[in-house]
Amino acid sequence: MDHVLSVTDRYVLTPFVYPASWPEDEPLRQIISLLLVTNLGAQLLYLGFGALSFYFVFDHKLMKHPQFMKNQVRREIKLGTVSIFWMSFPTVALFFSEIRGYSKLHDNVGESASGWPGLLLGIAGFLFFTDMCIYWIHRSMHHKSIYKHLHKQHHIFKIPTPFASHAFHPVDGFLQSLPYHVYPFLFPLHKVVYLSLFVFVNIWTISIHDGDFRLPGPLVQVINGAAHHVDHHLFFNYNYGQYFTLWDRLGGSYRQPSALLGKGPHDLVRKLTSEAAETE
């Protein structure tokens, strides 16, 4: 985040917001700036990519599904924007630790002992580590002693739209995002790669709620896409994974997507539409 903060300071905050006497590296200023940048950036990612996905990818016929709620999109956006605001506070604490030099993030590929192979290994490690951690955190959120207090807010949306992607209780949302922030404190990673991956995981989260259940045949067994995730919303105890199906298979929670078996939400909508047309 120090690169983002540096650019924001140079072009916006220093010339237009803060007094010239306030040093850019002063801790309180950095915390305030991170809160502003994190909130604005996260909300723009969520609302911007969520809107693009909703209008250009999401099949609006799914809104005719009997489990699609009245005013659902408005409820998703309200919960998502409020959650992002509250999640930003603990997130900024971690970002602040990063820019103060406590993480293993580095600026140059040459700073890594393994060079470019190490950079690629870092990407693979990030995806594997976060997928594993999120699987177990997500699964724990379904424990009966936790679910009703935290994760239930997300599961009221049985047929999610892209705006449901960030519609969590703030504590639930932060805990499921924690592996993204923990990784660079444990393993070396290039700063630009980390920032790119952080953007990627937000877009990926939107994509698994977008109602587009298509996946190339061989990838169905490997990638946890929207077809898998909508079954998680509908059937509760299946497909907890983030990117891959690996941990669901190891944990005994994998379910072949109903949408790919002719028994998914689209199929029900088509059936109901056909039956309604026959009765007219």
Foldseek 3Di string as FASTA:
>chain_A
DVVVLVVCCVPPCVVDNDDVPDDSPDLVNLLVSQLVCQLVVLLCLLVVLLVCLQVPPADCLLCVFPLNDDCNLVLLLVLLSVLSNVLSNVVSVLVSCVVVPLFQADADQVVDPVRPVLQVVLVVCLQVQLQVQLLVLLLVCLPPVRVVPWVVQLLSRLLFALSSLRNTRNVSSNSSCVSLSVSRRPDYYYPVVSVVVVSVLSSLSSQLNSNRPDDPVVCLQWFNHVLQVSCCSNVVQADSGRTTCVVRVVVVRHDRRCVVVCRDSVNVSVVVVVVVVVVD
